[in-house]
C-alpha atoms as a PDB file:
ATOM      1  CA  MET A   1      30.224   3.044 -16.580  1.00  0.00           C
ATOM      2  CA  GLU A   2      28.902   6.392 -15.446  1.00  0.00           C
ATOM      3  CA  THR A   3      25.324   5.059 -15.568  1.00  0.00           C
ATOM      4  CA  MET A   4      26.316   2.062 -13.437  1.00  0.00           C
ATOM      5  CA  ASN A   5      27.871   4.361 -10.837  1.00  0.00           C
ATOM      6  CA  LYS A   6      24.640   6.370 -10.671  1.00  0.00           C
ATOM      7  CA  TYR A   7      22.642   3.198 -10.039  1.00  0.00           C
ATOM      8  CA  LYS A   8      25.102   2.148  -7.332  1.00  0.00           C
ATOM      9  CA  GLU A   9      24.477   5.470  -5.596  1.00  0.00           C
ATOM     10  CA  ILE A  10      20.680   5.106  -5.876  1.00  0.00           C
ATOM     11  CA  ILE A  11      20.399   1.486  -4.637  1.00  0.00           C
ATOM     12  CA  PRO A  12      21.372   2.167  -0.966  1.00  0.00           C
ATOM     13  CA  PHE A  13      18.957   5.131  -0.833  1.00  0.00           C
ATOM     14  CA  ALA A  14      16.140   3.075  -2.412  1.00  0.00           C
ATOM     15  CA  ALA A  15      16.743   0.246   0.082  1.00  0.00           C
ATOM     16  CA  LEU A  16      16.675   2.746   2.961  1.00  0.00           C
ATOM     17  CA  VAL A  17      13.359   4.158   1.717  1.00  0.00           C
ATOM     18  CA  LEU A  18      11.834   0.655   1.451  1.00  0.00           C
ATOM     19  CA  TYR A  19      12.977  -0.212   4.971  1.00  0.00           C
ATOM     20  CA  ALA A  20      11.533   3.108   6.179  1.00  0.00           C
ATOM     21  CA  PHE A  21       8.120   2.459   4.579  1.00  0.00           C
ATOM     22  CA  GLY A  22       7.796  -0.910   6.331  1.00  0.00           C
ATOM     23  CA  GLY A  23       9.131   0.531   9.569  1.00  0.00           C
ATOM     24  CA  ILE A  24       6.632   3.403   9.495  1.00  0.00           C
ATOM     25  CA  TYR A  25       3.701   1.011   9.153  1.00  0.00           C
ATOM     26  CA  TYR A  26       4.883  -1.296  11.937  1.00  0.00           C
ATOM     27  CA  PHE A  27       5.741   1.539  14.312  1.00  0.00           C
ATOM     28  CA  VAL A  28       2.476   3.487  13.848  1.00  0.00           C
ATOM     29  CA  TYR A  29       0.264   0.368  13.848  1.00  0.00           C
ATOM     30  CA  TYR A  30       1.729  -1.196  16.998  1.00  0.00           C
ATOM     31  CA  PHE A  31       2.109   2.172  18.741  1.00  0.00           C
ATOM     32  CA  HIS A  32      -1.693   2.209  19.102  1.00  0.00           C
ATOM     33  CA  PHE A  33      -1.369  -0.794  21.420  1.00  0.00           C
ATOM     34  CA  GLY A  34       1.623   0.469  23.403  1.00  0.00           C
ATOM     35  CA  ILE A  35       3.997  -2.052  21.816  1.00  0.00           C
ATOM     36  CA  ASP A  36       7.619  -1.158  21.148  1.00  0.00           C
ATOM     37  CA  ILE A  37       7.698  -3.152  17.913  1.00  0.00           C
ATOM     38  CA  VAL A  38      11.369  -2.350  17.295  1.00  0.00           C
ATOM     39  CA  ALA A  39      12.234  -5.010  19.894  1.00  0.00           C
ATOM     40  CA  TYR A  40      10.258  -7.713  18.048  1.00  0.00           C
ATOM     41  CA  PHE A  41      10.393  -7.238  14.292  1.00  0.00           C
ATOM     42  CA  SER A  42      13.321  -7.564  11.882  1.00  0.00           C
ATOM     43  CA  LEU A  43      14.399  -5.369   8.975  1.00  0.00           C
ATOM     44  CA  THR A  44      13.535  -8.251   6.637  1.00  0.00           C
ATOM     45  CA  GLU A  45       9.887  -8.071   7.723  1.00  0.00           C
ATOM     46  CA  ALA A  46       9.842  -4.314   7.091  1.00  0.00           C
ATOM     47  CA  LEU A  47      11.380  -4.855   3.654  1.00  0.00           C
ATOM     48  CA  LEU A  48       8.883  -7.589   2.734  1.00  0.00           C
ATOM     49  CA  LEU A  49       5.971  -5.357   3.747  1.00  0.00           C
ATOM     50  CA  SER A  50       7.327  -2.552   1.544  1.00  0.00           C
ATOM     51  CA  ILE A  51       7.846  -4.921  -1.399  1.00  0.00           C
ATOM     52  CA  GLU A  52       4.249  -6.116  -1.035  1.00  0.00           C
ATOM     53  CA  PHE A  53       3.076  -2.488  -1.039  1.00  0.00           C
ATOM     54  CA  LEU A  54       5.223  -1.806  -4.117  1.00  0.00           C
ATOM     55  CA  LEU A  55       3.923  -4.831  -6.031  1.00  0.00           C
ATOM     56  CA  ILE A  56       0.304  -3.879  -5.292  1.00  0.00           C
ATOM     57  CA  ASN A  57       0.957  -0.397  -6.681  1.00  0.00           C
ATOM     58  CA  LEU A  58       2.679  -1.771  -9.785  1.00  0.00           C
ATOM     59  CA  LEU A  59      -0.385  -3.940 -10.413  1.00  0.00           C
ATOM     60  CA  ILE A  60      -2.670  -0.910  -9.980  1.00  0.00           C
ATOM     61  CA  ILE A  61      -0.471   1.122 -12.363  1.00  0.00           C
ATOM     62  CA  PHE A  62      -0.802  -1.671 -14.942  1.00  0.00           C
ATOM     63  CA  ILE A  63      -4.614  -1.649 -14.571  1.00  0.00           C
ATOM     64  CA  ILE A  64      -4.763   2.162 -14.863  1.00  0.00           C
ATOM     65  CA  GLU A  65      -2.512   2.195 -17.924  1.00  0.00           C
ATOM     66  CA  LEU A  66      -4.555  -0.580 -19.545  1.00  0.00           C
ATOM     67  CA  PHE A  67      -7.739   1.412 -18.976  1.00  0.00           C
ATOM     68  CA  LEU A  68      -6.113   4.595 -20.338  1.00  0.00           C
ATOM     69  CA  GLY A  69      -4.877   2.662 -23.373  1.00  0.00           C
ATOM     70  CA  VAL A  70      -8.446   1.628 -24.192  1.00  0.00           C
ATOM     71  CA  LEU A  71      -9.636   5.243 -23.835  1.00  0.00           C
ATOM     72  CA  VAL A  72      -6.817   6.617 -26.022  1.00  0.00           C
ATOM     73  CA  GLU A  73      -7.193   3.994 -28.760  1.00  0.00           C
ATOM     74  CA  PHE A  74     -10.977   3.724 -28.987  1.00  0.00           C
ATOM     75  CA  VAL A  75     -12.711   6.646 -27.228  1.00  0.00           C
ATOM     76  CA  TYR A  76     -10.357   9.575 -27.945  1.00  0.00           C
ATOM     77  CA  PRO A  77     -10.497   9.213 -31.796  1.00  0.00           C
ATOM     78  CA  LYS A  78     -14.317   9.359 -31.700  1.00  0.00           C
ATOM     79  CA  ILE A  79     -14.250  12.492 -29.533  1.00  0.00           C
ATOM     80  CA  LEU A  80     -11.632  14.024 -31.827  1.00  0.00           C
ATOM     81  CA  SER A  81     -13.796  13.362 -34.902  1.00  0.00           C
ATOM     82  CA  ILE A  82     -16.575  15.527 -33.419  1.00  0.00           C
ATOM     83  CA  ILE A  83     -14.273  18.541 -32.974  1.00  0.00           C
ATOM     84  CA  PRO A  84     -14.149  20.839 -36.058  1.00  0.00           C
ATOM     85  CA  GLN A  85     -10.885  20.739 -37.986  1.00  0.00           C
ATOM     86  CA  LYS A  86     -10.036  24.390 -37.289  1.00  0.00           C
ATOM     87  CA  TYR A  87      -9.930  23.739 -33.533  1.00  0.00           C
ATOM     88  CA  ARG A  88      -7.589  20.768 -33.794  1.00  0.00           C
ATOM     89  CA  ARG A  89      -3.837  20.905 -33.327  1.00  0.00           C
ATOM     90  CA  GLU A  90      -1.720  20.912 -36.445  1.00  0.00           C
ATOM     91  CA  LYS A  91       0.501  18.210 -35.002  1.00  0.00           C
ATOM     92  CA  PRO A  92      -1.459  15.232 -33.629  1.00  0.00           C
ATOM     93  CA  ALA A  93      -0.985  14.662 -29.923  1.00  0.00           C
ATOM     94  CA  SER A  94       1.176  11.716 -28.927  1.00  0.00           C
ATOM     95  CA  TYR A  95      -0.109   8.785 -26.869  1.00  0.00           C
ATOM     96  CA  LEU A  96       1.743  10.122 -23.832  1.00  0.00           C
ATOM     97  CA  GLU A  97       0.156  13.571 -24.127  1.00  0.00           C
ATOM     98  CA  VAL A  98      -3.355  12.180 -24.566  1.00  0.00           C
ATOM     99  CA  SER A  99      -3.071   9.653 -21.739  1.00  0.00           C
ATOM    100  CA  PHE A 100      -1.621  12.360 -19.449  1.00  0.00           C
ATOM    101  CA  GLY A 101      -4.538  14.682 -20.270  1.00  0.00           C
ATOM    102  CA  ILE A 102      -7.155  11.982 -19.680  1.00  0.00           C
ATOM    103  CA  GLN A 103      -5.536  10.878 -16.426  1.00  0.00           C
ATOM    104  CA  PHE A 104      -5.285  14.455 -15.174  1.00  0.00           C
ATOM    105  CA  PHE A 105      -8.994  14.972 -15.958  1.00  0.00           C
ATOM    106  CA  LEU A 106      -9.931  11.737 -14.139  1.00  0.00           C
ATOM    107  CA  LEU A 107      -7.766  12.702 -11.150  1.00  0.00           C
ATOM    108  CA  VAL A 108      -9.289  16.171 -10.711  1.00  0.00           C
ATOM    109  CA  PHE A 109     -12.926  15.512 -11.578  1.00  0.00           C
ATOM    110  CA  VAL A 110     -13.436  11.844 -10.655  1.00  0.00           C
ATOM    111  CA  TYR A 111     -10.838  10.396  -8.290  1.00  0.00           C
ATOM    112  CA  ILE A 112     -10.284  13.305  -5.880  1.00  0.00           C
ATOM    113  CA  PRO A 113     -14.073  13.886  -5.326  1.00  0.00           C
ATOM    114  CA  LEU A 114     -14.445  10.130  -4.802  1.00  0.00           C
ATOM    115  CA  LEU A 115     -11.579  10.192  -2.313  1.00  0.00           C
ATOM    116  CA  LEU A 116     -13.067  13.112  -0.362  1.00  0.00           C
ATOM    117  CA  PHE A 117     -16.648  11.883  -0.163  1.00  0.00           C
ATOM    118  CA  SER A 118     -16.340   8.095  -0.315  1.00  0.00           C
ATOM    119  CA  VAL A 119     -16.533   6.076   2.898  1.00  0.00           C
ATOM    120  CA  ASN A 120     -14.729   3.186   1.211  1.00  0.00           C
ATOM    121  CA  CYS A 121     -11.183   3.162   2.608  1.00  0.00           C
ATOM    122  CA  TYR A 122      -9.903   1.086  -0.312  1.00  0.00           C
ATOM    123  CA  SER A 123     -10.205   4.093  -2.615  1.00  0.00           C
ATOM    124  CA  TRP A 124      -7.065   5.403  -0.857  1.00  0.00           C
ATOM    125  CA  LEU A 125      -5.179   2.350  -2.102  1.00  0.00           C
ATOM    126  CA  TRP A 126      -5.189   3.852  -5.608  1.00  0.00           C
ATOM    127  CA  LEU A 127      -3.697   7.181  -4.518  1.00  0.00           C
ATOM    128  CA  PRO A 128       0.053   6.348  -4.800  1.00  0.00           C
ATOM    129  CA  ALA A 129      -0.251   4.584  -8.147  1.00  0.00           C
ATOM    130  CA  PHE A 130      -2.586   7.186  -9.667  1.00  0.00           C
ATOM    131  CA  SER A 131      -0.546  10.178  -8.518  1.00  0.00           C
ATOM    132  CA  LEU A 132       2.927   8.788  -9.191  1.00  0.00           C
ATOM    133  CA  LEU A 133       1.987   7.612 -12.666  1.00  0.00           C
ATOM    134  CA  LEU A 134       0.842  11.161 -13.406  1.00  0.00           C
ATOM    135  CA  PHE A 135       4.099  12.664 -12.065  1.00  0.00           C
ATOM    136  CA  PHE A 136       6.139  10.155 -14.067  1.00  0.00           C
ATOM    137  CA  LYS A 137       4.314  11.033 -17.287  1.00  0.00           C
ATOM    138  CA  MET A 138       4.910  14.715 -16.575  1.00  0.00           C
ATOM    139  CA  TYR A 139       8.620  13.931 -16.263  1.00  0.00           C
ATOM    140  CA  LEU A 140       8.608  12.024 -19.566  1.00  0.00           C
ATOM    141  CA  LEU A 141       6.831  14.879 -21.337  1.00  0.00           C
ATOM    142  CA  PHE A 142       9.467  17.408 -20.289  1.00  0.00           C
ATOM    143  CA  LYS A 143      12.570  15.217 -20.169  1.00  0.00           C
ATOM    144  CA  ASN A 144      13.909  16.696 -23.424  1.00  0.00           C
ATOM    145  CA  GLU A 145      13.728  20.216 -22.038  1.00  0.00           C
ATOM    146  CA  ASP A 146      16.496  22.135 -20.310  1.00  0.00           C
ATOM    147  CA  LYS A 147      18.746  20.009 -18.078  1.00  0.00           C
ATOM    148  CA  GLU A 148      17.820  22.016 -14.984  1.00  0.00           C
ATOM    149  CA  ILE A 149      14.096  21.514 -15.667  1.00  0.00           C
ATOM    150  CA  LYS A 150      14.687  17.796 -16.126  1.00  0.00           C
ATOM    151  CA  GLN A 151      16.561  17.523 -12.822  1.00  0.00           C
ATOM    152  CA  SER A 152      13.912  19.569 -11.014  1.00  0.00           C
ATOM    153  CA  LEU A 153      11.153  17.305 -12.318  1.00  0.00           C
ATOM    154  CA  LEU A 154      13.103  14.216 -11.318  1.00  0.00           C
ATOM    155  CA  LYS A 155      13.549  15.581  -7.788  1.00  0.00           C
ATOM    156  CA  LEU A 156       9.837  16.459  -7.704  1.00  0.00           C
ATOM    157  CA  PHE A 157       8.925  12.931  -8.776  1.00  0.00           C
ATOM    158  CA  CYS A 158      11.173  11.342  -6.114  1.00  0.00           C
ATOM    159  CA  ALA A 159       9.923  13.675  -3.368  1.00  0.00           C
ATOM    160  CA  ALA A 160       6.283  13.161  -4.370  1.00  0.00           C
ATOM    161  CA  SER A 161       6.801   9.377  -4.392  1.00  0.00           C
ATOM    162  CA  ILE A 162       8.170   9.344  -0.854  1.00  0.00           C
ATOM    163  CA  ILE A 163       5.572  11.761   0.556  1.00  0.00           C
ATOM    164  CA  ILE A 164       2.527  10.136  -1.076  1.00  0.00           C
ATOM    165  CA  CYS A 165       3.601   6.588  -0.197  1.00  0.00           C
ATOM    166  CA  SER A 166       4.396   7.605   3.396  1.00  0.00           C
ATOM    167  CA  LEU A 167       0.995   9.285   3.837  1.00  0.00           C
ATOM    168  CA  THR A 168      -0.810   6.262   2.397  1.00  0.00           C
ATOM    169  CA  ILE A 169       1.090   3.876   4.678  1.00  0.00           C
ATOM    170  CA  LEU A 170       0.317   6.099   7.691  1.00  0.00           C
ATOM    171  CA  TYR A 171      -3.360   6.111   6.754  1.00  0.00           C
ATOM    172  CA  TYR A 172      -3.569   2.316   6.505  1.00  0.00           C
ATOM    173  CA  ALA A 173      -1.580   1.794   9.718  1.00  0.00           C
ATOM    174  CA  TYR A 174      -4.031   4.073  11.542  1.00  0.00           C
ATOM    175  CA  LYS A 175      -7.065   2.439   9.877  1.00  0.00           C
ATOM    176  CA  ASP A 176      -5.916  -1.129  10.577  1.00  0.00           C
ATOM    177  CA  ALA A 177      -5.174  -0.327  14.226  1.00  0.00           C
ATOM    178  CA  ASN A 178      -8.602   1.233  14.723  1.00  0.00           C
ATOM    179  CA  SER A 179     -10.268  -1.767  13.085  1.00  0.00           C
ATOM    180  CA  VAL A 180      -8.703  -3.986  15.745  1.00  0.00           C
ATOM    181  CA  LEU A 181      -9.607  -1.620  18.605  1.00  0.00           C
ATOM    182  CA  GLN A 182     -13.221  -1.534  17.405  1.00  0.00           C
ATOM    183  CA  GLY A 183     -13.372  -5.317  16.982  1.00  0.00           C
ATOM    184  CA  LYS A 184     -13.780  -5.113  13.200  1.00  0.00           C
ATOM    185  CA  SER A 185     -10.667  -7.041  12.200  1.00  0.00           C
ATOM    186  CA  SER A 186     -11.375 -10.057   9.961  1.00  0.00           C
ATOM    187  CA  LYS A 187      -8.379 -11.999  11.302  1.00  0.00           C
ATOM    188  CA  GLN A 188      -8.848 -14.415  14.159  1.00  0.00           C
ATOM    189  CA  ILE A 189      -6.459 -16.880  15.729  1.00  0.00           C
ATOM    190  CA  GLU A 190      -6.541 -19.771  18.168  1.00  0.00           C
ATOM    191  CA  ILE A 191      -3.274 -20.137  20.084  1.00  0.00           C
ATOM    192  CA  ILE A 192      -2.743 -23.332  22.069  1.00  0.00           C
ATOM    193  CA  MET A 193      -0.068 -23.364  24.765  1.00  0.00           C
ATOM    194  CA  GLU A 194       0.760 -25.914  27.436  1.00  0.00           C
ATOM    195  CA  THR A 195      -1.060 -24.083  30.213  1.00  0.00           C
ATOM    196  CA  LYS A 196      -3.466 -21.789  28.364  1.00  0.00           C
ATOM    197  CA  THR A 197      -5.407 -21.336  25.119  1.00  0.00           C
ATOM    198  CA  TYR A 198      -6.218 -17.970  23.558  1.00  0.00           C
ATOM    199  CA  LEU A 199      -9.177 -17.669  21.196  1.00  0.00           C
ATOM    200  CA  THR A 200      -9.715 -14.304  19.525  1.00  0.00           C
ATOM    201  CA  ASN A 201     -13.341 -14.857  18.545  1.00  0.00           C
ATOM    202  CA  ASP A 202     -13.941 -13.939  22.187  1.00  0.00           C
ATOM    203  CA  LYS A 203     -15.612 -10.510  22.308  1.00  0.00           C
ATOM    204  CA  ASN A 204     -12.846  -9.112  24.495  1.00  0.00           C
ATOM    205  CA  ILE A 205      -9.685 -10.536  22.873  1.00  0.00           C
ATOM    206  CA  PHE A 206      -8.573  -9.435  19.394  1.00  0.00           C
ATOM    207  CA  PHE A 207      -5.694 -10.486  17.167  1.00  0.00           C
ATOM    208  CA  ILE A 208      -3.293  -7.573  16.552  1.00  0.00           C
ATOM    209  CA  GLY A 209      -0.654  -9.254  14.438  1.00  0.00           C
ATOM    210  CA  GLU A 210       2.528 -11.266  14.460  1.00  0.00           C
ATOM    211  CA  THR A 211       6.223 -11.158  13.647  1.00  0.00           C
ATOM    212  CA  ASN A 212       8.553 -14.061  12.988  1.00  0.00           C
ATOM    213  CA  SER A 213       8.963 -14.656  16.705  1.00  0.00           C
ATOM    214  CA  THR A 214       5.901 -13.224  18.452  1.00  0.00           C
ATOM    215  CA  TYR A 215       2.088 -13.065  18.504  1.00  0.00           C
ATOM    216  CA  PHE A 216       0.282  -9.936  19.711  1.00  0.00           C
ATOM    217  CA  LEU A 217      -3.264  -9.961  21.129  1.00  0.00           C
ATOM    218  CA  TYR A 218      -5.361  -7.134  22.565  1.00  0.00           C
ATOM    219  CA  ASP A 219      -7.538  -7.611  25.638  1.00  0.00           C
ATOM    220  CA  LYS A 220     -10.273  -4.987  25.346  1.00  0.00           C
ATOM    221  CA  GLU A 221     -11.757  -5.627  28.785  1.00  0.00           C
ATOM    222  CA  LYS A 222      -8.434  -5.131  30.594  1.00  0.00           C
ATOM    223  CA  ASN A 223      -7.193  -2.613  28.003  1.00  0.00           C
ATOM    224  CA  ASN A 224      -3.790  -4.253  27.694  1.00  0.00           C
ATOM    225  CA  THR A 225      -1.698  -6.170  25.188  1.00  0.00           C
ATOM    226  CA  ILE A 226      -0.856  -9.860  25.393  1.00  0.00           C
ATOM    227  CA  ILE A 227       2.564 -10.744  23.966  1.00  0.00           C
ATOM    228  CA  ILE A 228       3.201 -14.427  23.233  1.00  0.00           C
ATOM    229  CA  ASP A 229       6.570 -15.888  22.289  1.00  0.00           C
ATOM    230  CA  LYS A 230       6.084 -18.377  19.450  1.00  0.00           C
ATOM    231  CA  SER A 231       8.587 -20.761  21.020  1.00  0.00           C
ATOM    232  CA  HIS A 232       5.994 -21.394  23.784  1.00  0.00           C
ATOM    233  CA  VAL A 233       3.181 -22.137  21.332  1.00  0.00           C
ATOM    234  CA  ILE A 234       2.222 -25.754  20.666  1.00  0.00           C
ATOM    235  CA  GLU A 235      -0.278 -25.066  17.905  1.00  0.00           C
ATOM    236  CA  SER A 236      -1.933 -22.066  16.260  1.00  0.00           C
ATOM    237  CA  ILE A 237      -4.887 -21.914  13.901  1.00  0.00           C
ATOM    238  CA  LEU A 238      -5.628 -18.853  11.801  1.00  0.00           C
ATOM    239  CA  HIS A 239      -9.201 -18.013  10.850  1.00  0.00           C
ATOM    240  CA  ASN A 240     -10.596 -15.464   8.443  1.00  0.00           C
ATOM    241  CA  GLN A 241     -13.847 -13.995   9.727  1.00  0.00           C
ATOM    242  CA  ALA A 242     -14.725 -12.705   6.252  1.00  0.00           C
ATOM    243  CA  MET A 243     -15.008 -16.271   4.959  1.00  0.00           C
ATOM    244  CA  ASN A 244     -18.012 -18.550   5.359  1.00  0.00           C
ATOM    245  CA  LYS A 245     -17.776 -20.222   8.758  1.00  0.00           C
ATOM    246  CA  GLU A 246     -18.430 -23.627   7.206  1.00  0.00           C
ATOM    247  CA  ASN A 247     -15.450 -23.197   4.874  1.00  0.00           C
ATOM    248  CA  ILE A 248     -12.868 -21.561   7.153  1.00  0.00           C
ATOM    249  CA  ASP A 249      -9.300 -22.387   6.190  1.00  0.00           C
ATOM    250  CA  LYS A 250      -7.151 -23.599   9.037  1.00  0.00           C
ATOM    251  CA  TYR A 251      -3.386 -23.265   8.895  1.00  0.00           C
ATOM    252  CA  ASN A 252      -1.488 -25.374  11.371  1.00  0.00           C
ATOM    253  CA  LEU A 253       1.635 -23.267  11.827  1.00  0.00           C
ATOM    254  CA  PHE A 254       3.210 -25.240  14.664  1.00  0.00           C
ATOM    255  CA  PRO A 255       2.076 -28.867  14.387  1.00  0.00           C
ATOM    256  CA  LYS A 256       2.834 -31.284  17.190  1.00  0.00           C
ATOM    257  CA  LYS A 257       5.691 -33.653  16.402  1.00  0.00           C
END
């Protein structure tokens, strides 16, 4: 019963954090275009964005742990066999200890240098999963220690989770907004209205994004934002510039009846 009460206390805070993550991305991204996104998006959209971010990180954690499992099971024993017996620990290291050590080594000597010197922005996508998995393993290693140490580590893990995820979301909001401003966004859209048609493969008009009720376009020549209510749209066709032009998928979101 006590455990259930603890979970009941955590759930509202966790929901608030998820809403905040989605809200941070929307606010920072659309702020670049002078859009007060609070007037257009719903809390559900913020929550869905956060859940998507969470699922991506869970998938990355699974991939990392799978890779570490291979290293611990097949590579570590061979390395250990080279080390003279007198330098080995009396008590064999557990899987958790070995995987923590390997991950810490990879973080310091491989991932962080890659993050600092790589021009590939997708390397940042691994930061939350890589870091939080390391913090979580640290917590598991010391969870049987003094109660105060355990609580301190748990607070550290929660704080690190919020800070790292927030920084990553800020980074991608800034990066995505700049991609649109520089005309590098892969998303294009054709919006057909009764009196006008907008086509974002025009060199001056770029697709910013959409909410459940609104489309947002950026006019580079006039340096302003075009806001279109979806209720006034007859038909819209999404394009993906990254795909082969001969095989572009078209999604008719508002077909004529």
